[in-house]
């Protein structure tokens, strides 16, 4: 429901269900010794355990989801900073409208994460969660909120590093255009300068997108799972 890529509306619900059942069956084989002692058939005991495990799984998925949401936010911000965010199109992963630059960056990063098998790291985090939080220990909301807050903070810090060249570019360009507009108020400088602003931003994107995607991939595990 919340894992990046698999939670996309473009992925049929039947496929998501089959993936969940397949992963559950695969993990049950290796985790049976840790789960079997607590497999009490009484609803009063089994119900809270199931609810706790669902919330722990949702926490792991939300931490990775926050990272992708921060990337989508920065992609939209980059499009706005270089003047390319005037018209939004359909989003790649969800149904929300998204700028072309933002969709390109988020989809490229998501594809890169799957190419490097980072979705396996999420499954590994599910396995490790049974050692960090055994089945008999209930879900801890305070610790979960701390993890989510830290993930959100670190994710936006990484995305700010990614978007910093475009922030600096937007400040310099807008100051320059503003000064020129003051010198020649009778000419609509902003409309004339817009193609040059977009061209400069696209040049920066062309030379920096490799480094941007590399930073996204390198920071995924330490920010979302390495806690």
Protein backbone atom coordinates (compact mmCIF):
# COMPACT_ATOMS: atom_id res chain seq x y z
CA UNK A 1 0.00 0.00 0.00
CA UNK A 2 2.81 2.45 0.78
CA UNK A 3 6.01 0.97 -0.69
CA UNK A 4 7.38 3.14 -3.51
CA UNK A 5 6.81 1.66 -6.94
CA UNK A 6 4.51 -1.14 -5.85
CA UNK A 7 1.93 1.29 -4.45
CA UNK A 8 1.52 3.04 -7.80
CA UNK A 9 -2.00 3.30 -9.20
CA UNK A 10 -0.58 2.05 -12.50
CA UNK A 11 0.11 -1.34 -10.90
CA UNK A 12 -3.07 -3.48 -10.80
CA UNK A 13 -4.33 -4.34 -7.34
CA UNK A 14 -4.21 -8.05 -8.18
CA UNK A 15 -0.47 -7.84 -8.88
CA UNK A 16 0.12 -6.05 -5.60
CA UNK A 17 -1.86 -8.71 -3.76
CA UNK A 18 0.09 -11.55 -5.40
CA UNK A 19 3.40 -9.84 -4.55
CA UNK A 20 2.33 -9.46 -0.92
CA UNK A 21 1.31 -13.12 -0.70
CA UNK A 22 4.55 -14.27 -2.35
CA UNK A 23 6.74 -12.20 -0.03
CA UNK A 24 4.73 -13.35 2.99
CA UNK A 25 5.16 -17.00 2.04
CA UNK A 26 8.89 -16.56 1.42
CA UNK A 27 9.46 -14.79 4.74
CA UNK A 28 7.36 -17.27 6.70
CA UNK A 29 9.80 -20.07 5.88
CA UNK A 30 12.76 -18.29 7.47
CA UNK A 31 10.84 -16.59 10.29
CA UNK A 32 8.66 -19.50 11.39
CA UNK A 33 10.76 -20.21 14.50
CA UNK A 34 10.29 -16.64 15.70
CA UNK A 35 6.57 -16.49 14.90
CA UNK A 36 5.34 -19.99 15.84
CA UNK A 37 5.69 -19.61 19.66
CA UNK A 38 3.27 -16.68 19.57
CA UNK A 39 0.79 -18.11 17.08
CA UNK A 40 -2.01 -18.30 19.64
CA UNK A 41 -5.38 -18.98 18.05
CA UNK A 42 -7.32 -16.94 20.57
CA UNK A 43 -8.64 -13.76 18.90
CA UNK A 44 -7.90 -11.68 21.98
CA UNK A 45 -4.19 -12.51 21.68
CA UNK A 46 -3.79 -12.90 17.94
CA UNK A 47 -5.63 -9.70 16.99
CA UNK A 48 -3.29 -7.24 18.78
CA UNK A 49 -0.25 -9.09 17.41
CA UNK A 50 -1.54 -8.80 13.84
CA UNK A 51 -2.33 -5.10 14.33
CA UNK A 52 1.14 -4.47 15.77
CA UNK A 53 2.85 -6.24 12.84
CA UNK A 54 0.75 -4.30 10.35
CA UNK A 55 1.79 -0.99 11.90
CA UNK A 56 5.47 -1.99 11.96
CA UNK A 57 5.31 -2.94 8.28
CA UNK A 58 3.48 0.30 7.51
CA UNK A 59 6.19 2.25 9.36
CA UNK A 60 8.93 0.72 7.18
CA UNK A 61 6.92 1.47 4.05
CA UNK A 62 6.19 5.05 5.14
CA UNK A 63 9.86 5.81 5.76
CA UNK A 64 10.71 4.81 2.20
CA UNK A 65 7.61 6.61 0.93
CA UNK A 66 8.66 9.85 2.63
CA UNK A 67 11.98 9.69 0.79
CA UNK A 68 10.24 9.45 -2.60
CA UNK A 69 7.77 12.19 -1.65
CA UNK A 70 10.68 14.48 -0.75
CA UNK A 71 12.22 13.72 -4.14
CA UNK A 72 8.95 14.54 -5.91
CA UNK A 73 8.71 17.79 -3.98
CA UNK A 74 12.23 18.79 -5.00
CA UNK A 75 11.55 17.81 -8.61
CA UNK A 76 8.55 20.14 -8.68
CA UNK A 77 10.61 22.85 -6.97
CA UNK A 78 13.39 22.51 -9.57
CA UNK A 79 10.84 22.83 -12.38
CA UNK A 80 9.47 26.01 -10.79
CA UNK A 81 12.93 27.47 -10.14
CA UNK A 82 14.00 27.16 -13.78
CA UNK A 83 10.65 28.40 -15.10
CA UNK A 84 9.57 25.03 -16.49
CA UNK A 85 6.67 24.33 -14.14
CA UNK A 86 3.93 26.31 -15.84
CA UNK A 87 1.98 23.34 -17.18
CA UNK A 88 1.62 20.08 -15.25
CA UNK A 89 0.96 16.69 -16.75
CA UNK A 90 -0.19 13.37 -15.31
CA UNK A 91 2.09 11.92 -12.65
CA UNK A 92 4.08 8.77 -13.29
CA UNK A 93 3.50 7.00 -9.97
CA UNK A 94 0.23 8.54 -8.81
CA UNK A 95 -2.66 10.44 -10.30
CA UNK A 96 -1.62 13.87 -9.07
CA UNK A 97 -0.56 16.38 -11.73
CA UNK A 98 3.20 16.78 -11.93
CA UNK A 99 5.60 18.91 -13.94
CA UNK A 100 7.57 17.29 -16.74
CA UNK A 101 10.92 17.89 -15.00
CA UNK A 102 9.60 16.57 -11.69
CA UNK A 103 8.20 13.44 -13.36
CA UNK A 104 11.50 12.86 -15.17
CA UNK A 105 13.57 13.14 -11.99
CA UNK A 106 11.27 11.07 -9.76
CA UNK A 107 10.73 8.33 -12.34
CA UNK A 108 14.47 8.10 -13.12
CA UNK A 109 15.33 7.85 -9.43
CA UNK A 110 12.63 5.24 -8.80
CA UNK A 111 13.83 3.19 -11.78
CA UNK A 112 17.39 3.44 -10.50
CA UNK A 113 16.35 2.18 -7.07
CA UNK A 114 14.74 -0.89 -8.62
CA UNK A 115 17.71 -1.50 -10.92
CA UNK A 116 20.02 -1.52 -7.89
CA UNK A 117 17.64 -3.89 -6.02
CA UNK A 118 16.86 -1.48 -3.22
CA UNK A 119 13.42 -3.06 -2.93
CA UNK A 120 15.31 -6.10 -1.61
CA UNK A 121 16.67 -3.87 1.15
CA UNK A 122 13.10 -3.13 2.22
CA UNK A 123 12.37 -6.87 2.43
CA UNK A 124 15.58 -7.29 4.43
CA UNK A 125 14.39 -4.55 6.78
CA UNK A 126 11.17 -6.52 7.31
CA UNK A 127 13.23 -9.58 8.28
CA UNK A 128 15.47 -7.56 10.62
CA UNK A 129 12.41 -6.00 12.27
CA UNK A 130 11.63 -9.37 13.90
CA UNK A 131 14.99 -9.19 15.69
CA UNK A 132 14.75 -5.52 16.65
CA UNK A 133 11.07 -5.70 17.61
CA UNK A 134 10.10 -9.34 18.35
CA UNK A 135 6.52 -10.48 17.89
CA UNK A 136 5.75 -10.33 21.61
CA UNK A 137 6.71 -6.64 21.82
CA UNK A 138 3.91 -4.25 20.92
CA UNK A 139 4.19 -1.41 18.46
CA UNK A 140 5.71 1.72 20.04
CA UNK A 141 4.07 4.88 18.65
CA UNK A 142 6.60 7.28 20.18
CA UNK A 143 9.59 5.51 18.63
CA UNK A 144 7.72 5.29 15.31
CA UNK A 145 7.04 9.03 15.29
CA UNK A 146 10.71 9.73 16.06
CA UNK A 147 11.78 7.49 13.15
CA UNK A 148 9.32 9.14 10.77
CA UNK A 149 10.40 12.64 11.84
CA UNK A 150 14.10 11.80 11.45
CA UNK A 151 13.47 10.24 8.04
CA UNK A 152 11.50 13.25 6.87
CA UNK A 153 14.17 15.67 8.10
CA UNK A 154 17.09 13.76 6.57
CA UNK A 155 15.20 13.19 3.30
CA UNK A 156 14.56 16.88 2.77
CA UNK A 157 18.15 17.68 3.73
CA UNK A 158 19.36 15.32 0.99
CA UNK A 159 16.90 16.80 -1.51
CA UNK A 160 18.01 20.32 -0.58
CA UNK A 161 21.57 19.33 -1.45
CA UNK A 162 20.29 18.03 -4.78
CA UNK A 163 18.36 21.18 -5.58
CA UNK A 164 20.89 23.71 -4.24
CA UNK A 165 22.41 24.51 -7.70
CA UNK A 166 18.95 25.35 -9.02
CA UNK A 167 18.15 27.48 -5.97
CA UNK A 168 21.35 29.48 -6.49
CA UNK A 169 20.64 29.74 -10.22
CA UNK A 170 17.10 30.99 -9.63
CA UNK A 171 18.27 33.64 -7.14
CA UNK A 172 20.99 34.96 -9.45
CA UNK A 173 18.82 34.95 -12.56
CA UNK A 174 15.86 36.63 -10.89
CA UNK A 175 18.07 39.31 -9.34
CA UNK A 176 19.67 39.99 -12.72
CA UNK A 177 16.35 40.12 -14.53
CA UNK A 178 14.93 42.35 -11.80
CA UNK A 179 17.80 44.84 -12.13
CA UNK A 180 17.45 44.89 -15.92
CA UNK A 181 13.70 45.44 -15.58
CA UNK A 182 14.35 48.43 -13.32
CA UNK A 183 16.71 49.92 -15.89
CA UNK A 184 14.27 49.43 -18.78
CA UNK A 185 10.74 49.39 -17.29
CA UNK A 186 9.10 49.94 -20.67
CA UNK A 187 10.25 46.51 -21.94
CA UNK A 188 8.59 43.31 -20.57
CA UNK A 189 11.93 41.81 -19.55
CA UNK A 190 10.44 38.83 -17.72
CA UNK A 191 8.62 37.58 -20.81
CA UNK A 192 11.67 38.11 -23.00
CA UNK A 193 14.06 36.45 -20.55
CA UNK A 194 11.92 33.36 -19.86
CA UNK A 195 13.30 31.26 -22.78
CA UNK A 196 16.88 32.06 -21.70
CA UNK A 197 16.09 31.20 -18.07
CA UNK A 198 14.60 27.85 -19.09
CA UNK A 199 17.54 27.10 -21.39
CA UNK A 200 20.07 27.82 -18.64
CA UNK A 201 18.16 25.64 -16.19
CA UNK A 202 18.01 22.76 -18.65
CA UNK A 203 21.78 23.03 -19.20
CA UNK A 204 22.35 22.77 -15.45
CA UNK A 205 19.99 19.80 -15.30
CA UNK A 206 21.82 18.13 -18.19
CA UNK A 207 25.21 18.34 -16.48
CA UNK A 208 24.00 17.57 -12.94
CA UNK A 209 21.32 14.90 -13.28
CA UNK A 210 23.88 12.08 -13.11
CA UNK A 211 25.24 13.37 -9.80
CA UNK A 212 21.71 13.99 -8.53
CA UNK A 213 20.57 10.43 -9.20
CA UNK A 214 23.79 9.04 -7.73
CA UNK A 215 23.22 11.01 -4.53
CA UNK A 216 19.62 9.80 -4.36
CA UNK A 217 20.73 6.16 -4.69
CA UNK A 218 23.60 6.50 -2.19
CA UNK A 219 21.38 8.12 0.45
CA UNK A 220 18.37 5.80 0.17
CA UNK A 221 19.48 3.04 2.56
CA UNK A 222 21.16 5.28 5.22
CA UNK A 223 18.16 7.62 5.38
CA UNK A 224 15.24 5.19 5.20
CA UNK A 225 16.44 1.82 6.48
CA UNK A 226 19.75 2.37 8.24
CA UNK A 227 18.29 3.26 11.62
